[in-house]
Amino acid sequence: MSEERVDSRRIYEGRVVSLRIDTVRIGNKTIAREVVEHPGASAIVPLTTDGRVILVNQYRHAAGIELLEILLIFYFPITPALSNSLIDFSSVQY
């Protein structure tokens, strides 16, 4: 079943994400959809020559602690998506 957007209202615009509420029609019903807009990101899992995974220790406010994560790179409009994976990890200390 398809949805038809009949209205959209932005409720927050931030540096990284924006939030909006869309009103959509599905058949004879009208409902609200909460939408998070994000420019996109890519994640890569770098491996050492002996097959170990490199993780980064990153503090996350929502969790309130540091978490081990894979490397995340945000897309920017002027940066081609492919170039995000072309990073030299030779200077990474692990």
Foldseek 3Di string as FASTA:
>chain_A
DDKDFDDKAWDADDPFKTWMWTWIDDPNDIDIDIDIDGQDKDFDWDADPVGDTDWDFADDVVVRHTDTHTDIGGDDPVDDPVVVVVDDCPPPDD
